Amino acid sequence: MLARIISDVELAAVRLGRTACWGVLAGFALVAGLAFLTAGVWSLIAAERGSAEASLFVGGGFVVLSALMLMVMRRIARRRRLAAMAARARNGADAATLAETFLVAMETGRAMRR
């Protein structure tokens, strides 16, 4: 039984390693693709309006994109925080119910001893 558990853990570790490796490769491919797309957009704008305006447009686009990402991250963090608070409130209510049940059972036990 222990050998099977160890085997399952080893298989899970191998799968995790493969997944991480493919994730890193996909990340590198994404960065390379974005670099070429950015260079292409910059070249198009530079040909039409000049290099200064192209740099401003591309840089502004990245600033807007990062601002949107930050807003999404804050919204996700807020939802997680609210979910954690709700879970704590539910657990607190359960603890109060458990404490009340314990006190009732304790009083019942005392009454049965009398």
Foldseek 3Di string as FASTA:
>chain_A
DVVVVVVVVVVVVVVVVVVVVVVVVVVVVVVVVVVVVLVVQLVVCCVVPRNVVSVVVSVVVVVVVVVVVVVVVVVVVVVVVVVVVVVVVVVVVVVVVVVVVVVVVVVVVVVVVD
